[in-house]
Amino acid sequence: MAGFGNSGYNSHMKITFITIFPGLIEDFLKEGLLSKAKRTNKIEVQTINPREFTTDRHETIDDAPYGGGAAGTVMKVEPLVAAIRKATGRKKSSSCLVILLGPSKKVFDQRLAKKLTRYKHLVFVFGRYEGVDARVEKYIDAKVSLGEFVIMGGEAASLVMTEAIVRLLPGVIGNEASLAEESYGDKFKLEYPLYTRPEVFEGRRVPKVLLSGNHQKIAAWRKKMSK
């Protein structure tokens, strides 16, 4: 599989989701910053349904695995590969990365999110049921897991990754300076505690140092708390 690129950040990104439930993706992108990112042309979103590439009247995209043993069915190779080819075109660019979501040693984190902002086109591939035919892996560039747990399909995981990636694109977050000091940012591992009014709530007070007006002491306290 290909590694992750090292080119500069992109101001525009295309994201393709290969899914049998496009509505899950489209509904999620109707709200919040991702919706704004679409409206302001920071991202372009495409969904491709593997059922478009089936040849039987039932639009079958899964089948029982060879050898038995699995409790359910597996996503078929032909529709998924056809959908990948539609997403990437005949001549796949180095600025496009095809990601298969599933069990993997590569676990998604903030550092990987930053690396993925360097691509102009991300294609998310994921399965349902017991997973995908292993031969699909020949047509992907990277296999990534969201963590050691099981969910019903990859749509939710891909949307978590998309939100983490897109918010790092230039112009998506209003105050981009805040990205440097947030949890898992460049300067701090975890963000320091934050407080706002009222000064006292049910007997719990805002730390005195934050009310002192001494920016040097406040910076030192925040650095200590973040560690």
Protein backbone atom coordinates (compact mmCIF):
# COMPACT_ATOMS: atom_id res chain seq x y z
CA MET A 1 0.00 0.00 0.00
CA ALA A 2 1.12 3.56 -0.66
CA GLY A 3 2.34 5.82 2.10
CA PHE A 4 0.87 9.17 3.04
CA GLY A 5 1.95 12.16 0.98
CA ASN A 6 4.03 15.12 2.07
CA SER A 7 2.81 17.92 -0.19
CA GLY A 8 1.33 21.19 1.13
CA TYR A 9 -2.10 21.73 2.63
CA ASN A 10 -5.03 22.03 0.23
CA SER A 11 -7.60 24.82 0.23
CA HIS A 12 -10.10 22.53 -1.52
CA MET A 13 -10.70 18.81 -1.06
CA LYS A 14 -12.94 16.28 -2.74
CA ILE A 15 -14.25 13.47 -0.55
CA THR A 16 -15.93 10.39 -2.00
CA PHE A 17 -17.83 7.87 0.10
CA ILE A 18 -18.51 4.44 -1.36
CA THR A 19 -21.57 3.30 0.55
CA ILE A 20 -24.84 1.42 0.16
CA PHE A 21 -26.43 4.01 2.49
CA PRO A 22 -25.68 7.40 0.89
CA GLY A 23 -28.40 9.03 2.98
CA LEU A 24 -26.34 8.53 6.15
CA ILE A 25 -23.56 10.62 4.64
CA GLU A 26 -25.75 13.27 3.05
CA ASP A 27 -27.83 13.91 6.19
CA PHE A 28 -24.74 14.31 8.38
CA LEU A 29 -23.29 16.91 6.02
CA LYS A 30 -26.38 19.12 6.19
CA GLU A 31 -25.42 20.64 9.56
CA GLY A 32 -22.53 22.45 11.23
CA LEU A 33 -19.11 23.32 9.88
CA LEU A 34 -19.13 20.53 7.30
CA SER A 35 -22.25 22.03 5.75
CA LYS A 36 -20.55 25.44 5.72
CA ALA A 37 -17.41 23.91 4.20
CA LYS A 38 -19.55 22.58 1.35
CA ARG A 39 -21.32 25.89 0.80
CA THR A 40 -18.02 27.82 0.73
CA ASN A 41 -16.43 25.28 -1.67
CA LYS A 42 -13.80 24.12 0.82
CA ILE A 43 -14.95 20.56 0.19
CA GLU A 44 -16.79 18.72 -2.56
CA VAL A 45 -18.66 15.58 -1.50
CA GLN A 46 -19.63 12.61 -3.65
CA THR A 47 -21.38 9.37 -2.74
CA ILE A 48 -21.19 6.26 -4.92
CA ASN A 49 -23.46 3.28 -4.27
CA PRO A 50 -21.89 -0.10 -5.16
CA ARG A 51 -25.38 -1.33 -6.08
CA GLU A 52 -25.03 0.74 -9.27
CA PHE A 53 -22.50 -1.81 -10.48
CA THR A 54 -24.42 -5.02 -9.84
CA THR A 55 -25.81 -7.11 -12.70
CA ASP A 56 -28.71 -9.00 -11.11
CA ARG A 57 -32.22 -7.68 -10.56
CA HIS A 58 -31.82 -7.81 -6.76
CA GLU A 59 -28.69 -5.59 -6.93
CA THR A 60 -26.79 -8.07 -4.77
CA ILE A 61 -23.68 -6.62 -3.17
CA ASP A 62 -22.92 -9.40 -0.63
CA ASP A 63 -22.51 -13.15 -0.62
CA ALA A 64 -21.57 -16.04 1.67
CA PRO A 65 -17.79 -16.44 2.12
CA TYR A 66 -15.87 -19.40 0.70
CA GLY A 67 -14.94 -21.94 3.33
CA GLY A 68 -17.77 -21.06 5.65
CA GLY A 69 -17.08 -20.14 9.24
CA ALA A 70 -18.36 -16.55 9.14
CA ALA A 71 -21.71 -15.81 10.78
CA GLY A 72 -22.83 -13.48 7.99
CA THR A 73 -22.17 -12.42 4.42
CA VAL A 74 -19.27 -10.47 2.90
CA MET A 75 -19.31 -7.50 0.51
CA LYS A 76 -18.57 -8.71 -3.03
CA VAL A 77 -15.38 -7.63 -4.81
CA GLU A 78 -16.80 -6.65 -8.24
CA PRO A 79 -19.19 -3.83 -7.20
CA LEU A 80 -16.68 -2.32 -4.76
CA VAL A 81 -13.81 -2.30 -7.25
CA ALA A 82 -16.06 -0.82 -9.94
CA ALA A 83 -17.12 1.91 -7.51
CA ILE A 84 -13.47 2.65 -6.64
CA ARG A 85 -12.62 2.95 -10.34
CA LYS A 86 -15.52 5.34 -10.88
CA ALA A 87 -14.30 7.48 -7.98
CA THR A 88 -10.65 7.63 -9.01
CA GLY A 89 -10.92 7.62 -12.80
CA ARG A 90 -8.80 5.61 -15.21
CA LYS A 91 -5.54 7.34 -14.28
CA LYS A 92 -5.37 7.60 -10.52
CA SER A 93 -3.50 10.70 -9.32
CA SER A 94 -0.91 10.75 -6.54
CA SER A 95 -3.04 13.47 -4.94
CA CYS A 96 -5.86 10.92 -4.45
CA LEU A 97 -5.84 8.44 -1.57
CA VAL A 98 -8.20 5.46 -1.35
CA ILE A 99 -8.77 4.43 2.28
CA LEU A 100 -10.36 1.18 3.41
CA LEU A 101 -11.85 1.38 6.89
CA GLY A 102 -11.48 -1.81 8.89
CA PRO A 103 -9.33 -3.65 11.44
CA SER A 104 -5.77 -2.36 10.99
CA LYS A 105 -2.55 -1.58 12.84
CA LYS A 106 -2.89 1.97 11.51
CA VAL A 107 -5.26 3.71 13.95
CA PHE A 108 -6.66 7.13 13.06
CA ASP A 109 -5.41 10.01 15.20
CA GLN A 110 -4.78 13.76 14.98
CA ARG A 111 -1.40 13.34 13.31
CA LEU A 112 -2.91 11.19 10.58
CA ALA A 113 -5.74 13.70 10.17
CA LYS A 114 -3.14 16.39 9.44
CA LYS A 115 -1.34 14.18 6.93
CA LEU A 116 -4.58 13.48 5.09
CA THR A 117 -5.24 17.21 4.57
CA ARG A 118 -2.40 17.12 2.02
CA TYR A 119 -4.50 15.13 -0.45
CA LYS A 120 -6.87 16.73 -2.94
CA HIS A 121 -9.15 13.70 -3.07
CA LEU A 122 -9.96 11.15 -0.37
CA VAL A 123 -12.00 8.05 -1.20
CA PHE A 124 -13.48 6.16 1.75
CA VAL A 125 -14.32 2.49 1.20
CA PHE A 126 -16.02 0.42 3.87
CA GLY A 127 -18.13 -2.65 4.23
CA ARG A 128 -21.21 -3.91 5.95
CA TYR A 129 -22.07 -7.34 7.25
CA GLU A 130 -18.84 -9.30 7.99
CA GLY A 131 -16.58 -7.00 5.96
CA VAL A 132 -15.31 -6.91 2.40
CA ASP A 133 -13.76 -9.46 0.06
CA ALA A 134 -10.02 -9.40 0.82
CA ARG A 135 -9.20 -8.86 -2.87
CA VAL A 136 -10.52 -5.31 -2.57
CA GLU A 137 -7.31 -4.41 -0.70
CA LYS A 138 -5.34 -4.54 -3.95
CA TYR A 139 -7.23 -1.45 -5.09
CA ILE A 140 -6.74 0.71 -2.01
CA ASP A 141 -3.81 2.81 -0.78
CA ALA A 142 -4.21 2.58 2.99
CA LYS A 143 -6.18 0.62 5.54
CA VAL A 144 -7.17 2.53 8.67
CA SER A 145 -9.06 1.69 11.85
CA LEU A 146 -10.89 4.08 14.14
CA GLY A 147 -10.16 1.89 17.16
CA GLU A 148 -10.64 -1.53 18.69
CA PHE A 149 -14.42 -1.79 18.66
CA VAL A 150 -17.09 -3.06 16.27
CA ILE A 151 -19.83 -1.01 14.61
CA MET A 152 -22.42 -1.95 12.01
CA GLY A 153 -20.74 -0.25 9.07
CA GLY A 154 -18.02 2.21 8.14
CA GLU A 155 -20.21 5.25 7.47
CA ALA A 156 -20.07 6.60 11.02
CA ALA A 157 -16.31 6.01 11.27
CA SER A 158 -15.66 7.75 7.94
CA LEU A 159 -17.68 10.78 9.05
CA VAL A 160 -15.67 11.06 12.27
CA MET A 161 -12.49 11.02 10.21
CA THR A 162 -13.92 13.52 7.73
CA GLU A 163 -14.81 16.00 10.46
CA ALA A 164 -11.35 15.71 12.02
CA ILE A 165 -9.67 16.27 8.62
CA VAL A 166 -11.90 19.00 7.18
CA ARG A 167 -11.72 21.25 10.25
CA LEU A 168 -7.95 21.47 9.64
CA LEU A 169 -8.35 22.83 6.10
CA PRO A 170 -7.54 26.56 5.74
CA GLY A 171 -10.59 28.75 6.26
CA VAL A 172 -12.91 26.10 7.74
CA ILE A 173 -12.39 27.09 11.39
CA GLY A 174 -13.05 30.79 12.00
CA ASN A 175 -10.20 31.24 14.50
CA GLU A 176 -7.41 29.09 13.08
CA ALA A 177 -5.06 30.09 15.93
CA SER A 178 -7.19 27.94 18.24
CA LEU A 179 -6.11 24.80 16.38
CA ALA A 180 -2.56 25.07 17.75
CA GLU A 181 -3.57 24.95 21.42
CA GLU A 182 -6.41 22.45 21.34
CA SER A 183 -6.18 18.85 22.47
CA TYR A 184 -3.69 16.82 20.41
CA GLY A 185 -2.43 20.01 18.76
CA ASP A 186 1.21 20.87 18.06
CA LYS A 187 2.00 22.51 21.40
CA PHE A 188 -0.09 20.55 23.87
CA LYS A 189 -1.11 16.93 24.27
CA LEU A 190 -4.39 17.81 25.99
CA GLU A 191 -6.08 21.18 26.16
CA TYR A 192 -6.09 22.98 29.49
CA PRO A 193 -9.42 23.43 31.38
CA LEU A 194 -11.60 26.27 30.13
CA TYR A 195 -13.99 28.47 32.13
CA THR A 196 -16.53 31.18 31.39
CA ARG A 197 -19.14 33.15 33.38
CA PRO A 198 -20.45 32.92 36.04
CA GLU A 199 -17.39 33.15 38.28
CA VAL A 200 -19.06 30.86 40.86
CA PHE A 201 -21.43 28.02 40.00
CA GLU A 202 -22.92 25.86 42.78
CA GLY A 203 -19.92 26.61 44.98
CA ARG A 204 -17.30 25.86 42.33
CA ARG A 205 -15.10 28.85 41.49
CA VAL A 206 -13.03 29.75 38.46
CA PRO A 207 -9.32 29.36 39.40
CA LYS A 208 -7.97 32.64 40.79
CA VAL A 209 -5.03 32.71 38.39
CA LEU A 210 -7.43 33.13 35.44
CA LEU A 211 -8.90 36.23 37.11
CA SER A 212 -5.51 37.75 37.93
CA GLY A 213 -4.87 39.51 34.64
CA ASN A 214 -1.28 38.22 34.78
CA HIS A 215 -0.86 36.67 31.34
CA GLN A 216 2.51 35.14 32.18
CA LYS A 217 1.07 33.30 35.18
CA ILE A 218 -1.99 32.27 33.17
CA ALA A 219 0.21 30.85 30.38
CA ALA A 220 2.30 28.92 32.93
CA TRP A 221 -0.85 27.53 34.60
CA ARG A 222 -2.31 26.46 31.27
CA LYS A 223 0.92 24.73 30.24
CA LYS A 224 1.05 22.90 33.58
CA MET A 225 -2.59 21.80 33.33
CA SER A 226 -2.20 20.62 29.74
CA LYS A 227 0.61 18.30 30.80
